[in-house]
């Protein structure tokens, strides 16, 4: 899920792609007994969201706070048949976008004793019947207030 470009405008949607690879028995356990098509009950959850961490140092004491500033829309791609026998690993894919939903007016910055960092977070929660553990991963990104444009052309890394 690591974005190829790690700088994004706060006003734009950030695209992402997620791929889980594993054996058919492991993916069946991840999803629970009903597989990836089950929509209600104790099912696996894939969540992508933006987190802003604010660090402050005052008179030698450090404190920080993390807040969720955006929620992603995760869409499954056509599934691989988990009902079919397989000798090797199979992959399950999702894609989507995440964007700042709160009134974010500044990008990532660091000035002396104040630092604001942004992350794309991936939270993978297996079905409640699974013995697998939930996982959360944060990918640092840089949010900026303006995308780079010149004469109507968008910079290649802003696409």
C-alpha atoms as a PDB file:
ATOM      1  CA  UNK A   1       0.000   0.000   0.000  1.00  0.00           C
ATOM      2  CA  UNK A   2       2.989   2.332   0.090  1.00  0.00           C
ATOM      3  CA  UNK A   3       2.252   5.286  -2.219  1.00  0.00           C
ATOM      4  CA  UNK A   4       4.866   5.855  -4.913  1.00  0.00           C
ATOM      5  CA  UNK A   5       4.649   9.595  -4.285  1.00  0.00           C
ATOM      6  CA  UNK A   6       4.521  10.581  -0.659  1.00  0.00           C
ATOM      7  CA  UNK A   7       3.471  14.242  -1.057  1.00  0.00           C
ATOM      8  CA  UNK A   8      -0.222  15.044  -1.523  1.00  0.00           C
ATOM      9  CA  UNK A   9      -2.407  18.151  -1.589  1.00  0.00           C
ATOM     10  CA  UNK A  10      -4.866  18.374   1.337  1.00  0.00           C
ATOM     11  CA  UNK A  11      -7.682  19.125  -1.145  1.00  0.00           C
ATOM     12  CA  UNK A  12      -7.102  16.042  -3.357  1.00  0.00           C
ATOM     13  CA  UNK A  13      -8.047  12.408  -2.954  1.00  0.00           C
ATOM     14  CA  UNK A  14      -5.107  10.052  -2.374  1.00  0.00           C
ATOM     15  CA  UNK A  15      -5.357   6.780  -4.330  1.00  0.00           C
ATOM     16  CA  UNK A  16      -4.212   3.496  -2.765  1.00  0.00           C
ATOM     17  CA  UNK A  17      -4.018  -0.214  -3.541  1.00  0.00           C
ATOM     18  CA  UNK A  18      -3.977  -3.037  -0.981  1.00  0.00           C
ATOM     19  CA  UNK A  19      -3.013  -6.646  -1.625  1.00  0.00           C
ATOM     20  CA  UNK A  20      -3.103  -9.465   0.918  1.00  0.00           C
ATOM     21  CA  UNK A  21      -1.247 -12.615  -0.071  1.00  0.00           C
ATOM     22  CA  UNK A  22      -1.394 -15.953   1.658  1.00  0.00           C
ATOM     23  CA  UNK A  23      -2.445 -19.546   1.458  1.00  0.00           C
ATOM     24  CA  UNK A  24      -6.091 -20.344   0.752  1.00  0.00           C
ATOM     25  CA  UNK A  25      -6.610 -21.739   4.298  1.00  0.00           C
ATOM     26  CA  UNK A  26      -5.118 -18.566   5.846  1.00  0.00           C
ATOM     27  CA  UNK A  27      -7.305 -16.247   3.751  1.00  0.00           C
ATOM     28  CA  UNK A  28     -10.376 -18.343   4.527  1.00  0.00           C
ATOM     29  CA  UNK A  29      -9.582 -17.981   8.233  1.00  0.00           C
ATOM     30  CA  UNK A  30      -9.003 -14.231   7.772  1.00  0.00           C
ATOM     31  CA  UNK A  31     -12.474 -13.838   6.226  1.00  0.00           C
ATOM     32  CA  UNK A  32     -14.233 -16.298   8.502  1.00  0.00           C
ATOM     33  CA  UNK A  33     -16.201 -19.294   7.257  1.00  0.00           C
ATOM     34  CA  UNK A  34     -18.285 -17.386   4.698  1.00  0.00           C
ATOM     35  CA  UNK A  35     -15.462 -15.911   2.585  1.00  0.00           C
ATOM     36  CA  UNK A  36     -15.042 -12.337   1.238  1.00  0.00           C
ATOM     37  CA  UNK A  37     -18.623 -11.936  -0.015  1.00  0.00           C
ATOM     38  CA  UNK A  38     -20.286 -12.015   3.409  1.00  0.00           C
ATOM     39  CA  UNK A  39     -21.300  -8.433   4.282  1.00  0.00           C
ATOM     40  CA  UNK A  40     -22.773  -8.646   7.775  1.00  0.00           C
ATOM     41  CA  UNK A  41     -21.841 -10.245  11.047  1.00  0.00           C
ATOM     42  CA  UNK A  42     -18.362 -11.204  12.191  1.00  0.00           C
ATOM     43  CA  UNK A  43     -16.391 -10.426   9.014  1.00  0.00           C
ATOM     44  CA  UNK A  44     -12.906  -9.161   8.274  1.00  0.00           C
ATOM     45  CA  UNK A  45     -12.489  -5.379   8.064  1.00  0.00           C
ATOM     46  CA  UNK A  46     -10.029  -3.449   5.881  1.00  0.00           C
ATOM     47  CA  UNK A  47      -9.867   0.231   6.851  1.00  0.00           C
ATOM     48  CA  UNK A  48      -7.750   3.051   5.403  1.00  0.00           C
ATOM     49  CA  UNK A  49      -7.685   6.466   7.071  1.00  0.00           C
ATOM     50  CA  UNK A  50      -5.547   9.584   7.522  1.00  0.00           C
ATOM     51  CA  UNK A  51      -4.030  10.399  10.896  1.00  0.00           C
ATOM     52  CA  UNK A  52      -2.406  13.653  11.936  1.00  0.00           C
ATOM     53  CA  UNK A  53       0.059  13.528  14.834  1.00  0.00           C
ATOM     54  CA  UNK A  54       0.824  16.761  16.657  1.00  0.00           C
ATOM     55  CA  UNK A  55       3.953  16.872  18.849  1.00  0.00           C
ATOM     56  CA  UNK A  56       4.620  19.736  21.255  1.00  0.00           C
ATOM     57  CA  UNK A  57       7.576  20.306  23.582  1.00  0.00           C
ATOM     58  CA  UNK A  58       7.099  22.897  26.325  1.00  0.00           C
ATOM     59  CA  UNK A  59       9.705  23.487  29.032  1.00  0.00           C
ATOM     60  CA  UNK A  60      11.338  20.117  28.377  1.00  0.00           C
ATOM     61  CA  UNK A  61       8.096  18.122  28.514  1.00  0.00           C
ATOM     62  CA  UNK A  62       6.883  16.397  25.362  1.00  0.00           C
ATOM     63  CA  UNK A  63       3.280  15.612  24.580  1.00  0.00           C
ATOM     64  CA  UNK A  64       1.517  14.441  21.461  1.00  0.00           C
ATOM     65  CA  UNK A  65      -1.937  13.710  20.137  1.00  0.00           C
ATOM     66  CA  UNK A  66      -3.172  11.731  17.145  1.00  0.00           C
ATOM     67  CA  UNK A  67      -6.416  12.625  15.401  1.00  0.00           C
ATOM     68  CA  UNK A  68      -8.180  11.019  12.460  1.00  0.00           C
ATOM     69  CA  UNK A  69      -8.534  13.607   9.693  1.00  0.00           C
ATOM     70  CA  UNK A  70      -9.945  11.489   6.873  1.00  0.00           C
ATOM     71  CA  UNK A  71     -11.574   8.162   6.121  1.00  0.00           C
ATOM     72  CA  UNK A  72     -10.956   6.106   3.004  1.00  0.00           C
ATOM     73  CA  UNK A  73     -13.362   4.336   0.692  1.00  0.00           C
ATOM     74  CA  UNK A  74     -12.151   0.758   0.181  1.00  0.00           C
ATOM     75  CA  UNK A  75     -13.491  -1.201  -2.804  1.00  0.00           C
ATOM     76  CA  UNK A  76     -12.712  -4.887  -3.392  1.00  0.00           C
ATOM     77  CA  UNK A  77     -11.330  -5.844  -6.773  1.00  0.00           C
ATOM     78  CA  UNK A  78     -12.637  -8.997  -8.469  1.00  0.00           C
ATOM     79  CA  UNK A  79     -11.856 -11.798  -6.027  1.00  0.00           C
ATOM     80  CA  UNK A  80      -9.662 -14.794  -6.534  1.00  0.00           C
ATOM     81  CA  UNK A  81     -11.576 -18.043  -6.015  1.00  0.00           C
ATOM     82  CA  UNK A  82     -10.922 -19.012  -2.410  1.00  0.00           C
ATOM     83  CA  UNK A  83     -13.193 -22.036  -2.893  1.00  0.00           C
ATOM     84  CA  UNK A  84     -10.829 -23.596  -5.424  1.00  0.00           C
ATOM     85  CA  UNK A  85      -7.884 -25.742  -4.297  1.00  0.00           C
ATOM     86  CA  UNK A  86      -4.529 -24.008  -4.725  1.00  0.00           C
ATOM     87  CA  UNK A  87      -0.977 -25.267  -4.374  1.00  0.00           C
ATOM     88  CA  UNK A  88       0.555 -21.854  -3.701  1.00  0.00           C
ATOM     89  CA  UNK A  89      -0.313 -18.450  -2.356  1.00  0.00           C
ATOM     90  CA  UNK A  90      -3.218 -16.405  -3.673  1.00  0.00           C
ATOM     91  CA  UNK A  91      -3.848 -12.658  -3.511  1.00  0.00           C
ATOM     92  CA  UNK A  92      -6.886 -10.582  -2.565  1.00  0.00           C
ATOM     93  CA  UNK A  93      -6.930  -6.924  -3.705  1.00  0.00           C
ATOM     94  CA  UNK A  94      -8.680  -3.673  -2.806  1.00  0.00           C
ATOM     95  CA  UNK A  95      -8.337  -0.151  -4.099  1.00  0.00           C
ATOM     96  CA  UNK A  96      -9.783   3.196  -3.206  1.00  0.00           C
ATOM     97  CA  UNK A  97      -9.123   6.755  -2.177  1.00  0.00           C
ATOM     98  CA  UNK A  98      -8.702   8.586   1.089  1.00  0.00           C
ATOM     99  CA  UNK A  99      -8.938  12.332   1.596  1.00  0.00           C
ATOM    100  CA  UNK A 100      -8.920  14.925   4.367  1.00  0.00           C
ATOM    101  CA  UNK A 101     -12.466  15.340   5.618  1.00  0.00           C
ATOM    102  CA  UNK A 102     -11.927  17.729   8.481  1.00  0.00           C
ATOM    103  CA  UNK A 103     -11.120  21.402   8.020  1.00  0.00           C
ATOM    104  CA  UNK A 104      -7.380  20.920   7.514  1.00  0.00           C
ATOM    105  CA  UNK A 105      -5.853  24.265   6.542  1.00  0.00           C
ATOM    106  CA  UNK A 106      -2.151  23.482   6.900  1.00  0.00           C
ATOM    107  CA  UNK A 107       0.167  20.826   5.610  1.00  0.00           C
ATOM    108  CA  UNK A 108       2.856  18.817   7.363  1.00  0.00           C
ATOM    109  CA  UNK A 109       5.444  21.013   9.117  1.00  0.00           C
ATOM    110  CA  UNK A 110       8.020  21.283  11.897  1.00  0.00           C
ATOM    111  CA  UNK A 111       8.924  24.546  13.637  1.00  0.00           C
ATOM    112  CA  UNK A 112      11.078  24.301  16.700  1.00  0.00           C
ATOM    113  CA  UNK A 113       8.998  22.739  19.455  1.00  0.00           C
ATOM    114  CA  UNK A 114       5.915  22.032  17.317  1.00  0.00           C
ATOM    115  CA  UNK A 115       5.762  19.233  14.741  1.00  0.00           C
ATOM    116  CA  UNK A 116       2.773  18.115  12.681  1.00  0.00           C
ATOM    117  CA  UNK A 117       3.113  14.755  10.892  1.00  0.00           C
ATOM    118  CA  UNK A 118       0.597  12.969   8.672  1.00  0.00           C
ATOM    119  CA  UNK A 119       0.142   9.256   7.970  1.00  0.00           C
ATOM    120  CA  UNK A 120      -1.968   6.981   5.797  1.00  0.00           C
ATOM    121  CA  UNK A 121      -3.065   4.210   8.157  1.00  0.00           C
ATOM    122  CA  UNK A 122      -4.064   0.685   7.152  1.00  0.00           C
ATOM    123  CA  UNK A 123      -5.979  -1.350   9.745  1.00  0.00           C
ATOM    124  CA  UNK A 124      -6.610  -5.014   8.968  1.00  0.00           C
ATOM    125  CA  UNK A 125      -8.981  -6.779  11.357  1.00  0.00           C
ATOM    126  CA  UNK A 126      -9.652 -10.493  10.770  1.00  0.00           C
ATOM    127  CA  UNK A 127     -13.103 -11.997  11.295  1.00  0.00           C
ATOM    128  CA  UNK A 128     -13.904 -12.504  14.979  1.00  0.00           C
ATOM    129  CA  UNK A 129     -13.870 -16.289  14.482  1.00  0.00           C
ATOM    130  CA  UNK A 130     -10.246 -16.125  13.239  1.00  0.00           C
ATOM    131  CA  UNK A 131      -7.143 -16.847  15.330  1.00  0.00           C
ATOM    132  CA  UNK A 132      -5.237 -14.236  13.331  1.00  0.00           C
ATOM    133  CA  UNK A 133      -4.321 -10.966  15.052  1.00  0.00           C
ATOM    134  CA  UNK A 134      -5.335  -7.467  13.875  1.00  0.00           C
ATOM    135  CA  UNK A 135      -2.594  -5.381  12.264  1.00  0.00           C
ATOM    136  CA  UNK A 136      -2.206  -1.632  11.855  1.00  0.00           C
ATOM    137  CA  UNK A 137       0.458   0.054   9.711  1.00  0.00           C
ATOM    138  CA  UNK A 138       1.188   3.759   9.285  1.00  0.00           C
ATOM    139  CA  UNK A 139       2.864   5.142   6.165  1.00  0.00           C
ATOM    140  CA  UNK A 140       4.291   8.653   6.626  1.00  0.00           C
ATOM    141  CA  UNK A 141       3.170  11.160   3.994  1.00  0.00           C
ATOM    142  CA  UNK A 142       3.564  14.889   3.491  1.00  0.00           C
ATOM    143  CA  UNK A 143       0.412  16.968   3.074  1.00  0.00           C
ATOM    144  CA  UNK A 144       0.757  20.334   1.345  1.00  0.00           C
ATOM    145  CA  UNK A 145      -1.739  23.160   0.847  1.00  0.00           C
ATOM    146  CA  UNK A 146      -1.207  23.667  -2.904  1.00  0.00           C
ATOM    147  CA  UNK A 147      -0.544  21.208  -5.693  1.00  0.00           C
ATOM    148  CA  UNK A 148       2.160  22.233  -8.135  1.00  0.00           C
ATOM    149  CA  UNK A 149       0.830  23.536 -11.472  1.00  0.00           C
ATOM    150  CA  UNK A 150       2.416  25.548 -14.238  1.00  0.00           C
ATOM    151  CA  UNK A 151       0.571  26.768 -17.354  1.00  0.00           C
ATOM    152  CA  UNK A 152      -2.271  24.314 -16.772  1.00  0.00           C
ATOM    153  CA  UNK A 153       0.137  21.382 -16.496  1.00  0.00           C
ATOM    154  CA  UNK A 154       0.120  19.218 -13.390  1.00  0.00           C
ATOM    155  CA  UNK A 155       3.469  18.020 -12.085  1.00  0.00           C
ATOM    156  CA  UNK A 156       3.895  14.293 -12.933  1.00  0.00           C
ATOM    157  CA  UNK A 157       4.158  13.355  -9.246  1.00  0.00           C
ATOM    158  CA  UNK A 158       0.803  15.046  -8.456  1.00  0.00           C
ATOM    159  CA  UNK A 159      -1.163  12.662 -10.710  1.00  0.00           C
END
